[in-house]
Amino acid sequence: LKGLPFASYIVLNFAFFAWLGYAIYYFTLSPVASIPWSIFLLFLQITATQFYVAAPLAAWKYAAVAHVFGWYMQIHIGHILIEKRKAALTDSFFQSLIMAP
């Protein structure tokens, strides 16, 4: 990683290895689609890690609020109000974890 221009920002923590696992998994599903998505997710992972390094307590607060807000928007707004059906998460929890990004 030392030769890459952004290598100094990469921290080998759980988030990095989670990203790596997802990148490999989605690459096996679709190599063409996974490359830009993996690059985007790596950018998000690096940004989140740098935010956590700079302000750990604030990062946890922002992450918690963003997580709860995201779930609310996905389930209530997306599934209930727009699609008018329940989320697939309630039908097949395992499939929701494996197939959904």
Foldseek 3Di string as FASTA:
>chain_A
DVVDPCVVLDDPDPLVVVLVVVLVLVCVVPVVVSVVVSVVSVVVSSVLVVVCVVPVVVSVVVVVVVVVVVVCCCAPVNCCVPVVHGDCCVVDVVCCVRVPD
